[in-house]
Amino acid sequence: MHKAGFVNIIGNPNVGKSTLMNAFVGEQLSIITSKAQTTRHRILGIVNGEDFQVVLSDTPGIIKPAYELQSSMMHFVKSAFEDADVLIYMVEIGEKSLKDEAFFKKITSTKTPVILLINKIDTSDQEILEEQADFWQSKVPNAEFYPISALTGFNVKNVFDRIIELLPESPPFYPKDQLTDKPERFFVNEKIREKILMHYKKEIPYAVEVDTEEFFEEENIIRMRSVIMVERETQKGILIGHKGKPLKRVGTEARKDLEQFFGKQVHLELYVKVNKNWRSNTNQLKRFGYNQS
């Protein structure tokens, strides 16, 4: 008997969805920073066993959209309800609500099995955890409840074992050696964007999109050329920084991580271009892979 299915992870920004996804997959597919809205796309991570295939989906954190890019991000979340065999609703200690009531109603009324995870319990104590458990079990009575720490790995294996139990019988959806549905260039873009999120403040990280225009793999080295898009000239100046040092740091740190990811030497060239108001331009958003539906 072989089991296979889609397990979709949703929740507010910053609850640790990407950390959990990476813990399940065993690779850093989703970028992780302390800033909200780090995840912009729906990223699949595939975990294969002899008699199962778990197709995990990390979605953007649920927000009320303020511009077209954020609306596109919420389309990815909506799609997570449509094909889920198991739905993971993730909250963190101290959280009391979902930022969008319509999504919350979908969770409490779905016929799909729901696993409710309270994350970051390593930052709390037993009394608060019990109080939170009672609160969430009353709010989402259709869910199975697990306290976890995605960061330390506490209870993660138990959750994964339960996911496999809940999967339907099915042949695999993807080849057994496949790790994700995204192309290599996507991970180059995301790794560069992660470093920008880490090192720049205010609006800069949210005004940035990365496009890897060249990706040439040779026997011992991968040569990449990536363009960082910003919306205004002032943002370009801040991104490049004094004598280009801040941008060079982004490139150096991204290159080191990419060498580890791809397992070979990487040559990375970075350029910065102004692409005015790309976050509100539907044609530009389609070009960068944000579905407009």
C-alpha atoms as a PDB file:
ATOM      1  CA  MET A   1       0.000   0.000   0.000  1.00  0.00           C
ATOM      2  CA  HIS A   2       1.379   3.411  -1.008  1.00  0.00           C
ATOM      3  CA  LYS A   3       0.138   6.709   0.430  1.00  0.00           C
ATOM      4  CA  ALA A   4       0.515  10.160  -1.095  1.00  0.00           C
ATOM      5  CA  GLY A   5      -1.081  13.551  -0.663  1.00  0.00           C
ATOM      6  CA  PHE A   6      -0.816  17.314  -0.316  1.00  0.00           C
ATOM      7  CA  VAL A   7      -0.213  18.763   3.154  1.00  0.00           C
ATOM      8  CA  ASN A   8      -0.699  22.519   3.153  1.00  0.00           C
ATOM      9  CA  ILE A   9       0.624  24.771   5.937  1.00  0.00           C
ATOM     10  CA  ILE A  10      -1.185  28.058   6.636  1.00  0.00           C
ATOM     11  CA  GLY A  11      -1.146  30.675   9.396  1.00  0.00           C
ATOM     12  CA  ASN A  12      -0.372  34.294  10.223  1.00  0.00           C
ATOM     13  CA  PRO A  13       3.029  35.792   9.294  1.00  0.00           C
ATOM     14  CA  ASN A  14       5.991  34.867  11.513  1.00  0.00           C
ATOM     15  CA  VAL A  15       4.473  31.737  13.116  1.00  0.00           C
ATOM     16  CA  GLY A  16       7.322  29.529  11.823  1.00  0.00           C
ATOM     17  CA  LYS A  17       5.711  27.836   8.806  1.00  0.00           C
ATOM     18  CA  SER A  18       8.923  27.907   6.791  1.00  0.00           C
ATOM     19  CA  THR A  19      10.964  26.513   9.698  1.00  0.00           C
ATOM     20  CA  LEU A  20       8.510  23.611  10.001  1.00  0.00           C
ATOM     21  CA  MET A  21       8.526  22.927   6.272  1.00  0.00           C
ATOM     22  CA  ASN A  22      12.331  22.844   6.204  1.00  0.00           C
ATOM     23  CA  ALA A  23      12.368  20.558   9.275  1.00  0.00           C
ATOM     24  CA  PHE A  24      10.047  18.098   7.504  1.00  0.00           C
ATOM     25  CA  VAL A  25      11.984  18.181   4.211  1.00  0.00           C
ATOM     26  CA  GLY A  26      15.477  18.272   5.725  1.00  0.00           C
ATOM     27  CA  GLU A  27      16.569  21.063   3.359  1.00  0.00           C
ATOM     28  CA  GLN A  28      16.234  24.834   3.524  1.00  0.00           C
ATOM     29  CA  LEU A  29      13.741  25.274   0.706  1.00  0.00           C
ATOM     30  CA  SER A  30      11.837  28.162   2.288  1.00  0.00           C
ATOM     31  CA  ILE A  31      13.790  31.245   3.310  1.00  0.00           C
ATOM     32  CA  ILE A  32      13.505  32.270   6.950  1.00  0.00           C
ATOM     33  CA  THR A  33      13.912  35.721   8.471  1.00  0.00           C
ATOM     34  CA  SER A  34      12.400  37.550  11.423  1.00  0.00           C
ATOM     35  CA  LYS A  35      10.477  39.901   9.107  1.00  0.00           C
ATOM     36  CA  ALA A  36       6.823  39.388   8.189  1.00  0.00           C
ATOM     37  CA  GLN A  37       5.922  38.467   4.580  1.00  0.00           C
ATOM     38  CA  THR A  38       9.204  36.639   3.989  1.00  0.00           C
ATOM     39  CA  THR A  39       7.380  33.925   2.018  1.00  0.00           C
ATOM     40  CA  ARG A  40       5.741  35.328  -1.122  1.00  0.00           C
ATOM     41  CA  HIS A  41       5.085  32.210  -3.182  1.00  0.00           C
ATOM     42  CA  ARG A  42       3.589  28.798  -2.536  1.00  0.00           C
ATOM     43  CA  ILE A  43       6.588  26.483  -2.302  1.00  0.00           C
ATOM     44  CA  LEU A  44       6.305  22.698  -2.471  1.00  0.00           C
ATOM     45  CA  GLY A  45       8.675  20.430  -0.574  1.00  0.00           C
ATOM     46  CA  ILE A  46       8.485  16.699  -1.290  1.00  0.00           C
ATOM     47  CA  VAL A  47       9.330  14.022   1.288  1.00  0.00           C
ATOM     48  CA  ASN A  48       9.566  10.454  -0.014  1.00  0.00           C
ATOM     49  CA  GLY A  49       9.545   7.168   1.848  1.00  0.00           C
ATOM     50  CA  GLU A  50       9.331   3.610   0.596  1.00  0.00           C
ATOM     51  CA  ASP A  51       5.536   3.582   0.916  1.00  0.00           C
ATOM     52  CA  PHE A  52       4.614   7.284   1.044  1.00  0.00           C
ATOM     53  CA  GLN A  53       5.066  10.673  -0.580  1.00  0.00           C
ATOM     54  CA  VAL A  54       4.216  13.811   1.394  1.00  0.00           C
ATOM     55  CA  VAL A  55       3.894  16.935  -0.756  1.00  0.00           C
ATOM     56  CA  LEU A  56       4.248  19.845   1.683  1.00  0.00           C
ATOM     57  CA  SER A  57       3.179  23.336   0.782  1.00  0.00           C
ATOM     58  CA  ASP A  58       4.472  26.482   2.518  1.00  0.00           C
ATOM     59  CA  THR A  59       2.252  29.501   1.804  1.00  0.00           C
ATOM     60  CA  PRO A  60       2.597  33.221   2.543  1.00  0.00           C
ATOM     61  CA  GLY A  61       1.401  34.378   5.956  1.00  0.00           C
ATOM     62  CA  ILE A  62      -2.235  35.477   5.988  1.00  0.00           C
ATOM     63  CA  ILE A  63      -2.611  39.262   5.777  1.00  0.00           C
ATOM     64  CA  LYS A  64      -5.169  41.809   4.572  1.00  0.00           C
ATOM     65  CA  PRO A  65      -3.719  42.888   1.192  1.00  0.00           C
ATOM     66  CA  ALA A  66      -2.660  46.521   0.743  1.00  0.00           C
ATOM     67  CA  TYR A  67      -1.439  46.307  -2.881  1.00  0.00           C
ATOM     68  CA  GLU A  68      -1.446  43.941  -5.869  1.00  0.00           C
ATOM     69  CA  LEU A  69       1.570  41.874  -4.789  1.00  0.00           C
ATOM     70  CA  GLN A  70      -0.083  41.076  -1.453  1.00  0.00           C
ATOM     71  CA  SER A  71      -3.345  40.170  -3.249  1.00  0.00           C
ATOM     72  CA  SER A  72      -1.369  37.718  -5.376  1.00  0.00           C
ATOM     73  CA  MET A  73       0.226  36.262  -2.243  1.00  0.00           C
ATOM     74  CA  MET A  74      -3.256  35.629  -0.789  1.00  0.00           C
ATOM     75  CA  HIS A  75      -4.249  33.775  -3.979  1.00  0.00           C
ATOM     76  CA  PHE A  76      -1.546  31.246  -3.092  1.00  0.00           C
ATOM     77  CA  VAL A  77      -3.135  30.804   0.352  1.00  0.00           C
ATOM     78  CA  LYS A  78      -6.617  30.315  -1.142  1.00  0.00           C
ATOM     79  CA  SER A  79      -5.267  27.629  -3.466  1.00  0.00           C
ATOM     80  CA  ALA A  80      -3.910  25.773  -0.409  1.00  0.00           C
ATOM     81  CA  PHE A  81      -7.487  25.012   0.651  1.00  0.00           C
ATOM     82  CA  GLU A  82      -8.443  23.580  -2.729  1.00  0.00           C
ATOM     83  CA  ASP A  83      -6.066  20.618  -3.032  1.00  0.00           C
ATOM     84  CA  ALA A  84      -5.198  19.786   0.593  1.00  0.00           C
ATOM     85  CA  ASP A  85      -5.453  16.191   1.806  1.00  0.00           C
ATOM     86  CA  VAL A  86      -4.297  17.425   5.233  1.00  0.00           C
ATOM     87  CA  LEU A  87      -4.422  21.051   6.370  1.00  0.00           C
ATOM     88  CA  ILE A  88      -1.942  22.309   8.972  1.00  0.00           C
ATOM     89  CA  TYR A  89      -3.087  25.450  10.767  1.00  0.00           C
ATOM     90  CA  MET A  90      -0.137  26.894  12.639  1.00  0.00           C
ATOM     91  CA  VAL A  91      -0.272  29.432  15.468  1.00  0.00           C
ATOM     92  CA  GLU A  92       2.269  30.562  18.037  1.00  0.00           C
ATOM     93  CA  ILE A  93       2.098  30.967  21.787  1.00  0.00           C
ATOM     94  CA  GLY A  94       0.091  34.083  22.652  1.00  0.00           C
ATOM     95  CA  GLU A  95      -1.786  34.280  19.357  1.00  0.00           C
ATOM     96  CA  LYS A  96      -5.554  34.724  19.551  1.00  0.00           C
ATOM     97  CA  SER A  97      -6.893  35.090  16.021  1.00  0.00           C
ATOM     98  CA  LEU A  98      -6.276  34.774  12.296  1.00  0.00           C
ATOM     99  CA  LYS A  99      -5.793  38.048  10.422  1.00  0.00           C
ATOM    100  CA  ASP A 100      -8.603  37.184   7.982  1.00  0.00           C
ATOM    101  CA  GLU A 101     -11.911  35.929   9.394  1.00  0.00           C
ATOM    102  CA  ALA A 102     -12.980  34.360   6.082  1.00  0.00           C
ATOM    103  CA  PHE A 103      -9.935  32.057   6.119  1.00  0.00           C
ATOM    104  CA  PHE A 104     -10.686  31.121   9.705  1.00  0.00           C
ATOM    105  CA  LYS A 105     -14.262  30.089   8.779  1.00  0.00           C
ATOM    106  CA  LYS A 106     -12.833  27.933   5.997  1.00  0.00           C
ATOM    107  CA  ILE A 107     -10.595  26.152   8.490  1.00  0.00           C
ATOM    108  CA  THR A 108     -13.385  25.445  11.006  1.00  0.00           C
ATOM    109  CA  SER A 109     -15.848  24.262   8.339  1.00  0.00           C
ATOM    110  CA  THR A 110     -13.556  22.195   6.094  1.00  0.00           C
ATOM    111  CA  LYS A 111     -14.068  18.449   5.654  1.00  0.00           C
ATOM    112  CA  THR A 112     -10.288  18.052   5.206  1.00  0.00           C
ATOM    113  CA  PRO A 113      -8.423  16.719   8.281  1.00  0.00           C
ATOM    114  CA  VAL A 114      -6.957  19.680  10.198  1.00  0.00           C
ATOM    115  CA  ILE A 115      -3.873  19.552  12.426  1.00  0.00           C
ATOM    116  CA  LEU A 116      -3.543  22.577  14.713  1.00  0.00           C
ATOM    117  CA  LEU A 117       0.037  23.268  15.789  1.00  0.00           C
ATOM    118  CA  ILE A 118       0.995  25.671  18.570  1.00  0.00           C
ATOM    119  CA  ASN A 119       4.571  26.603  17.750  1.00  0.00           C
ATOM    120  CA  LYS A 120       7.396  28.191  19.774  1.00  0.00           C
ATOM    121  CA  ILE A 121       6.433  26.405  22.995  1.00  0.00           C
ATOM    122  CA  ASP A 122      10.139  26.534  23.926  1.00  0.00           C
ATOM    123  CA  THR A 123       9.533  30.246  24.665  1.00  0.00           C
ATOM    124  CA  SER A 124       6.677  29.552  27.101  1.00  0.00           C
ATOM    125  CA  ASP A 125       5.774  27.625  30.277  1.00  0.00           C
ATOM    126  CA  GLN A 126       3.342  24.781  30.992  1.00  0.00           C
ATOM    127  CA  GLU A 127       0.587  26.955  32.459  1.00  0.00           C
ATOM    128  CA  ILE A 128       0.417  29.280  29.435  1.00  0.00           C
ATOM    129  CA  LEU A 129       0.590  26.297  27.064  1.00  0.00           C
ATOM    130  CA  GLU A 130      -2.382  24.600  28.760  1.00  0.00           C
ATOM    131  CA  GLU A 131      -4.368  27.842  28.635  1.00  0.00           C
ATOM    132  CA  GLN A 132      -3.550  28.245  24.919  1.00  0.00           C
ATOM    133  CA  ALA A 133      -4.417  24.618  24.194  1.00  0.00           C
ATOM    134  CA  ASP A 134      -7.871  25.035  25.781  1.00  0.00           C
ATOM    135  CA  PHE A 135      -8.454  28.276  23.873  1.00  0.00           C
ATOM    136  CA  TRP A 136      -7.543  26.903  20.448  1.00  0.00           C
ATOM    137  CA  GLN A 137      -9.301  23.575  20.911  1.00  0.00           C
ATOM    138  CA  SER A 138     -12.507  25.497  21.624  1.00  0.00           C
ATOM    139  CA  LYS A 139     -11.945  27.763  18.587  1.00  0.00           C
ATOM    140  CA  VAL A 140     -11.101  24.924  16.162  1.00  0.00           C
ATOM    141  CA  PRO A 141     -12.936  21.849  17.508  1.00  0.00           C
ATOM    142  CA  ASN A 142     -12.469  19.988  14.201  1.00  0.00           C
ATOM    143  CA  ALA A 143      -8.660  19.966  14.581  1.00  0.00           C
ATOM    144  CA  GLU A 144      -6.173  17.571  16.137  1.00  0.00           C
ATOM    145  CA  PHE A 145      -3.878  19.498  18.469  1.00  0.00           C
ATOM    146  CA  TYR A 146      -0.075  19.289  18.857  1.00  0.00           C
ATOM    147  CA  PRO A 147       2.302  21.608  20.734  1.00  0.00           C
ATOM    148  CA  ILE A 148       5.625  21.885  18.865  1.00  0.00           C
ATOM    149  CA  SER A 149       8.868  23.763  18.528  1.00  0.00           C
ATOM    150  CA  ALA A 150       9.787  23.814  14.842  1.00  0.00           C
ATOM    151  CA  LEU A 151      13.114  25.403  15.727  1.00  0.00           C
ATOM    152  CA  THR A 152      14.261  22.732  18.206  1.00  0.00           C
ATOM    153  CA  GLY A 153      12.387  19.870  16.537  1.00  0.00           C
ATOM    154  CA  PHE A 154      10.205  19.089  19.581  1.00  0.00           C
ATOM    155  CA  ASN A 155       7.222  16.893  18.559  1.00  0.00           C
ATOM    156  CA  VAL A 156       7.914  17.440  14.831  1.00  0.00           C
ATOM    157  CA  LYS A 157       8.407  13.722  14.134  1.00  0.00           C
ATOM    158  CA  ASN A 158       5.137  12.841  15.891  1.00  0.00           C
ATOM    159  CA  VAL A 159       3.287  15.346  13.717  1.00  0.00           C
ATOM    160  CA  PHE A 160       4.917  13.944  10.576  1.00  0.00           C
ATOM    161  CA  ASP A 161       4.004  10.359  11.550  1.00  0.00           C
ATOM    162  CA  ARG A 162       0.380  11.470  12.034  1.00  0.00           C
ATOM    163  CA  ILE A 163       0.391  13.179   8.627  1.00  0.00           C
ATOM    164  CA  ILE A 164       1.397   9.901   6.971  1.00  0.00           C
ATOM    165  CA  GLU A 165      -1.444   8.104   8.790  1.00  0.00           C
ATOM    166  CA  LEU A 166      -3.948  10.653   7.446  1.00  0.00           C
ATOM    167  CA  LEU A 167      -2.808  10.499   3.808  1.00  0.00           C
ATOM    168  CA  PRO A 168      -5.026   8.702   1.295  1.00  0.00           C
ATOM    169  CA  GLU A 169      -3.856   5.670  -0.648  1.00  0.00           C
ATOM    170  CA  SER A 170      -2.329   6.957  -3.864  1.00  0.00           C
ATOM    171  CA  PRO A 171       0.624   6.511  -6.191  1.00  0.00           C
ATOM    172  CA  PRO A 172       3.265   9.286  -5.930  1.00  0.00           C
ATOM    173  CA  PHE A 173       2.506  12.596  -7.657  1.00  0.00           C
ATOM    174  CA  TYR A 174       6.162  13.398  -8.366  1.00  0.00           C
ATOM    175  CA  PRO A 175       9.275  11.347  -9.192  1.00  0.00           C
ATOM    176  CA  LYS A 176      10.711   9.833  -6.028  1.00  0.00           C
ATOM    177  CA  ASP A 177      14.018  11.712  -6.350  1.00  0.00           C
ATOM    178  CA  GLN A 178      12.340  15.133  -6.674  1.00  0.00           C
ATOM    179  CA  LEU A 179      12.640  17.543  -3.740  1.00  0.00           C
ATOM    180  CA  THR A 180      10.515  20.484  -4.883  1.00  0.00           C
ATOM    181  CA  ASP A 181       8.419  21.838  -7.756  1.00  0.00           C
ATOM    182  CA  LYS A 182      10.514  25.004  -8.150  1.00  0.00           C
ATOM    183  CA  PRO A 183      13.360  25.491 -10.681  1.00  0.00           C
ATOM    184  CA  GLU A 184      16.923  26.140  -9.541  1.00  0.00           C
ATOM    185  CA  ARG A 185      16.762  29.845 -10.409  1.00  0.00           C
ATOM    186  CA  PHE A 186      13.880  30.293  -7.966  1.00  0.00           C
ATOM    187  CA  PHE A 187      16.117  29.281  -5.055  1.00  0.00           C
ATOM    188  CA  VAL A 188      18.859  31.626  -6.237  1.00  0.00           C
ATOM    189  CA  ASN A 189      16.328  34.494  -6.237  1.00  0.00           C
ATOM    190  CA  GLU A 190      15.011  33.546  -2.805  1.00  0.00           C
ATOM    191  CA  LYS A 191      18.453  33.220  -1.238  1.00  0.00           C
ATOM    192  CA  ILE A 192      19.429  36.711  -2.445  1.00  0.00           C
ATOM    193  CA  ARG A 193      16.104  38.102  -1.192  1.00  0.00           C
ATOM    194  CA  GLU A 194      16.659  36.444   2.191  1.00  0.00           C
ATOM    195  CA  LYS A 195      19.952  38.324   2.626  1.00  0.00           C
ATOM    196  CA  ILE A 196      18.263  41.610   1.691  1.00  0.00           C
ATOM    197  CA  LEU A 197      15.529  40.949   4.269  1.00  0.00           C
ATOM    198  CA  MET A 198      18.209  40.302   6.872  1.00  0.00           C
ATOM    199  CA  HIS A 199      20.395  43.358   6.205  1.00  0.00           C
ATOM    200  CA  TYR A 200      18.066  46.178   5.116  1.00  0.00           C
ATOM    201  CA  LYS A 201      15.352  47.972   7.060  1.00  0.00           C
ATOM    202  CA  LYS A 202      12.023  49.723   6.503  1.00  0.00           C
ATOM    203  CA  GLU A 203      10.598  49.525   2.992  1.00  0.00           C
ATOM    204  CA  ILE A 204      13.654  48.240   1.080  1.00  0.00           C
ATOM    205  CA  PRO A 205      13.106  44.457   1.518  1.00  0.00           C
ATOM    206  CA  TYR A 206       9.442  44.728   0.499  1.00  0.00           C
ATOM    207  CA  ALA A 207      10.193  46.792  -2.618  1.00  0.00           C
ATOM    208  CA  VAL A 208      12.662  44.163  -3.899  1.00  0.00           C
ATOM    209  CA  GLU A 209      12.217  41.350  -6.395  1.00  0.00           C
ATOM    210  CA  VAL A 210      15.080  39.240  -7.756  1.00  0.00           C
ATOM    211  CA  ASP A 211      15.356  37.828 -11.288  1.00  0.00           C
ATOM    212  CA  THR A 212      18.186  35.426 -12.153  1.00  0.00           C
ATOM    213  CA  GLU A 213      18.766  36.102 -15.852  1.00  0.00           C
ATOM    214  CA  GLU A 214      21.651  33.683 -16.362  1.00  0.00           C
ATOM    215  CA  PHE A 215      22.332  30.266 -14.832  1.00  0.00           C
ATOM    216  CA  PHE A 216      25.096  28.263 -16.490  1.00  0.00           C
ATOM    217  CA  GLU A 217      26.169  25.013 -14.842  1.00  0.00           C
ATOM    218  CA  GLU A 218      29.623  23.685 -15.693  1.00  0.00           C
ATOM    219  CA  GLU A 219      31.364  20.624 -14.274  1.00  0.00           C
ATOM    220  CA  ASN A 220      32.919  22.388 -11.280  1.00  0.00           C
ATOM    221  CA  ILE A 221      31.123  25.737 -11.094  1.00  0.00           C
ATOM    222  CA  ILE A 222      27.724  27.401 -11.608  1.00  0.00           C
ATOM    223  CA  ARG A 223      27.807  30.915 -13.072  1.00  0.00           C
ATOM    224  CA  MET A 224      24.832  33.109 -12.181  1.00  0.00           C
ATOM    225  CA  ARG A 225      23.795  36.643 -13.047  1.00  0.00           C
ATOM    226  CA  SER A 226      20.946  38.078 -10.968  1.00  0.00           C
ATOM    227  CA  VAL A 227      19.164  41.418 -11.164  1.00  0.00           C
ATOM    228  CA  ILE A 228      17.645  42.980  -8.044  1.00  0.00           C
ATOM    229  CA  MET A 229      14.587  45.076  -8.933  1.00  0.00           C
ATOM    230  CA  VAL A 230      13.579  48.069  -6.798  1.00  0.00           C
ATOM    231  CA  GLU A 231      10.808  50.606  -7.321  1.00  0.00           C
ATOM    232  CA  ARG A 232      12.708  53.911  -6.948  1.00  0.00           C
ATOM    233  CA  GLU A 233      16.165  55.404  -7.557  1.00  0.00           C
ATOM    234  CA  THR A 234      16.537  56.200  -3.839  1.00  0.00           C
ATOM    235  CA  GLN A 235      16.017  52.509  -3.020  1.00  0.00           C
ATOM    236  CA  LYS A 236      18.685  51.572  -5.571  1.00  0.00           C
ATOM    237  CA  GLY A 237      21.157  53.896  -3.853  1.00  0.00           C
ATOM    238  CA  ILE A 238      20.403  52.468  -0.418  1.00  0.00           C
ATOM    239  CA  LEU A 239      20.661  48.888  -1.679  1.00  0.00           C
ATOM    240  CA  ILE A 240      24.072  49.425  -3.312  1.00  0.00           C
ATOM    241  CA  GLY A 241      25.253  51.483  -0.328  1.00  0.00           C
ATOM    242  CA  HIS A 242      28.527  53.242   0.404  1.00  0.00           C
ATOM    243  CA  LYS A 243      31.203  52.058  -2.052  1.00  0.00           C
ATOM    244  CA  GLY A 244      28.950  49.089  -2.858  1.00  0.00           C
ATOM    245  CA  LYS A 245      29.852  47.328   0.386  1.00  0.00           C
ATOM    246  CA  PRO A 246      26.288  46.478   1.558  1.00  0.00           C
ATOM    247  CA  LEU A 247      25.433  44.919  -1.831  1.00  0.00           C
ATOM    248  CA  LYS A 248      28.724  43.019  -1.856  1.00  0.00           C
ATOM    249  CA  ARG A 249      27.849  41.541   1.564  1.00  0.00           C
ATOM    250  CA  VAL A 250      24.506  40.333   0.177  1.00  0.00           C
ATOM    251  CA  GLY A 251      26.278  38.698  -2.755  1.00  0.00           C
ATOM    252  CA  THR A 252      28.969  37.063  -0.626  1.00  0.00           C
ATOM    253  CA  GLU A 253      26.532  35.593   1.910  1.00  0.00           C
ATOM    254  CA  ALA A 254      24.117  34.405  -0.803  1.00  0.00           C
ATOM    255  CA  ARG A 255      26.980  32.794  -2.750  1.00  0.00           C
ATOM    256  CA  LYS A 256      28.173  30.838   0.309  1.00  0.00           C
ATOM    257  CA  ASP A 257      24.669  29.505   0.990  1.00  0.00           C
ATOM    258  CA  LEU A 258      24.131  28.630  -2.672  1.00  0.00           C
ATOM    259  CA  GLU A 259      27.421  26.710  -2.782  1.00  0.00           C
ATOM    260  CA  GLN A 260      26.157  24.637   0.117  1.00  0.00           C
ATOM    261  CA  PHE A 261      22.732  24.202  -1.505  1.00  0.00           C
ATOM    262  CA  PHE A 262      24.061  23.136  -4.922  1.00  0.00           C
ATOM    263  CA  GLY A 263      27.166  21.335  -3.651  1.00  0.00           C
ATOM    264  CA  LYS A 264      29.613  23.087  -5.959  1.00  0.00           C
ATOM    265  CA  GLN A 265      31.411  26.391  -6.495  1.00  0.00           C
ATOM    266  CA  VAL A 266      29.235  29.375  -7.437  1.00  0.00           C
ATOM    267  CA  HIS A 267      30.112  32.592  -9.255  1.00  0.00           C
ATOM    268  CA  LEU A 268      27.384  35.188  -8.607  1.00  0.00           C
ATOM    269  CA  GLU A 269      27.080  38.606 -10.251  1.00  0.00           C
ATOM    270  CA  LEU A 270      24.544  41.071  -8.808  1.00  0.00           C
ATOM    271  CA  TYR A 271      23.045  44.122 -10.479  1.00  0.00           C
ATOM    272  CA  VAL A 272      20.384  46.580  -9.297  1.00  0.00           C
ATOM    273  CA  LYS A 273      17.717  48.055 -11.595  1.00  0.00           C
ATOM    274  CA  VAL A 274      14.757  50.362 -11.039  1.00  0.00           C
ATOM    275  CA  ASN A 275      11.432  48.802 -12.100  1.00  0.00           C
ATOM    276  CA  LYS A 276       8.902  51.457 -11.127  1.00  0.00           C
ATOM    277  CA  ASN A 277       5.880  50.326  -9.091  1.00  0.00           C
ATOM    278  CA  TRP A 278       6.328  46.650 -10.023  1.00  0.00           C
ATOM    279  CA  ARG A 279       4.356  45.575  -6.914  1.00  0.00           C
ATOM    280  CA  SER A 280       1.203  47.190  -8.343  1.00  0.00           C
ATOM    281  CA  ASN A 281       1.729  46.201 -11.991  1.00  0.00           C
ATOM    282  CA  THR A 282      -0.178  43.027 -12.923  1.00  0.00           C
ATOM    283  CA  ASN A 283       2.029  42.326 -15.969  1.00  0.00           C
ATOM    284  CA  GLN A 284       5.199  42.593 -13.898  1.00  0.00           C
ATOM    285  CA  LEU A 285       3.700  40.381 -11.185  1.00  0.00           C
ATOM    286  CA  LYS A 286       2.876  37.693 -13.770  1.00  0.00           C
ATOM    287  CA  ARG A 287       6.439  37.899 -15.050  1.00  0.00           C
ATOM    288  CA  PHE A 288       7.728  37.220 -11.524  1.00  0.00           C
ATOM    289  CA  GLY A 289       5.429  34.210 -11.074  1.00  0.00           C
ATOM    290  CA  TYR A 290       2.599  35.721  -9.026  1.00  0.00           C
ATOM    291  CA  ASN A 291      -0.712  34.299 -10.207  1.00  0.00           C
ATOM    292  CA  GLN A 292      -3.410  36.836 -10.993  1.00  0.00           C
ATOM    293  CA  SER A 293      -6.693  34.971 -10.705  1.00  0.00           C
END
